[in-house]
Amino acid sequence: MKRLPSFLSWVVLAVAAAIAGLAFLQPWNALASPAGITLLATTTSDFTYQGRLTNAVGQPVPNGSYAMTFRLYEDSAAPIGSALATAVATPTVSGGLFVVNLSGFASYVDGRDLYIGVQVGSDPELSPRQRITPVPYALSLRPGATISGSEISSGFCLIGTLCPPGSVLYVRNTSTDPPDPLIGPGAGIVGRGNEGYGVWGGSETNSGVVGRTLSVVTGTGAIVGYGPTGGNALYASGSGRIASEAPTKLWISGQSFVKNLSGDLTTWDMEEPGSAQIRSGNAAGGTRNIYLPVTVPAQQYGVDTVVESATVYYRRSGTAFITRTALWRLNPATGSFLTMIEDETDRTSSVFASYTLDTSNNNRLTAGNGGMSVFLELQFSNNTDYVELYGVELTLRNRH
């Protein structure tokens, strides 16, 4: 009966990247490649298995072709029926030496223990099975290994305390030599596409690309875009939506207030550089209502505008004061106004002052809802005292 000795050579000359970087090597020792045997090409993920076939007394079998079956197992003693993969070959044996190309095993080489079983013809499978072992330095590429480099020029890590949680690849470069004058020194990741995207990121459940600057230096940015003449520095395709958590401040001069009723006796004295002194227009004084019409974009770049607050800048003289402040939003479906906030606190400062009303109701503008107003109710006891309005500042945000 023909048999393979326990010292079987198990050599993988090349393994594709899909095998997670593992390679396997067992030295030939004194065995040399016999004449007439050609090593297989190394451009595929197939295994090259080399062995020596002898008879029962250890002598090489006669030259010729022999049918062999090779099986891949997770266990050294598992039954034949549990093999992960099987390959059949009929190699040419010369001087007892043979080489076979085994296909279909590569996908199982993922860092777990694996064993190879060999059967010649109809003989029982040889024992013991041979364990697949890695080249020592190939262990640095096994799944779960840490890849690291110099902290001075660059750093890479797949798993480690220096990596942000959940990171797959973390790149850091502190070099002062700029890779490109337009990119600047110490770039972490640079992407360039001659025809496709330079950098592309996508996520099935979250943001595709997120940028965060660690610097507070004016002019720095988490994500910075450069566009050539005629090109876009930032282009939003698809829905085109752009959302920002940063507030937008809208200033409206006090001279923009108007009478609530056209027949109202209220008078305005325009002051520089933009304030308005408002009087009752009647020696007996009385209550006067004025409002500030405001038109803001209901949506910006496809994102709703939210009015978060309104700050009124004012002062009063004598006994005049502001007795009520309200923010209203137009409801285009009914032609009426919805109350965003209403405040009946008396505002009686005789020196320059301000007060802020934070809105929480009906404060989201949507498509077709851009109209709103700031309403003031003023109280006078004569026609001499006045309420001077410097202006109103609105705080807006684009909420996605």
Foldseek 3Di string as FASTA:
>chain_A
DKDFDPPFFFAFPAADCLLLQWGFGDDPVPDDDDPPADDDDHPYRWGKGKGFIAHPVRFGDDWDWWKKKKFKDLDQPDDPVRTPDMDIDTFTADRRMTIDTGPDCSNVNQQGKMWMWMDTDPDDIDPGTHITDTDVVSVCRHPPHFDFDDPAAKTWTCDDPVDDPPDRIDIWGPAQDDPDVVVGPGDRDWFDDPPDDRDWFDDPPDDRDDFDDPDPDPPDDRDWFDADVVGDSDADDDLQADFDPDKDKDWDFQVQKDFPDPPQQKDWDADPPGKIWIFRNAFQWFKGKIKHKDFDPCADRQFGKFWFKKKWKKAKPDPKWWQKKWKWWADVVVRDTDTQDIDRDIGHHRDIDMDMDTGDPPGIRHVPTGIMMMMIMMTDRGGPITMMTGIMMIIMGGDD
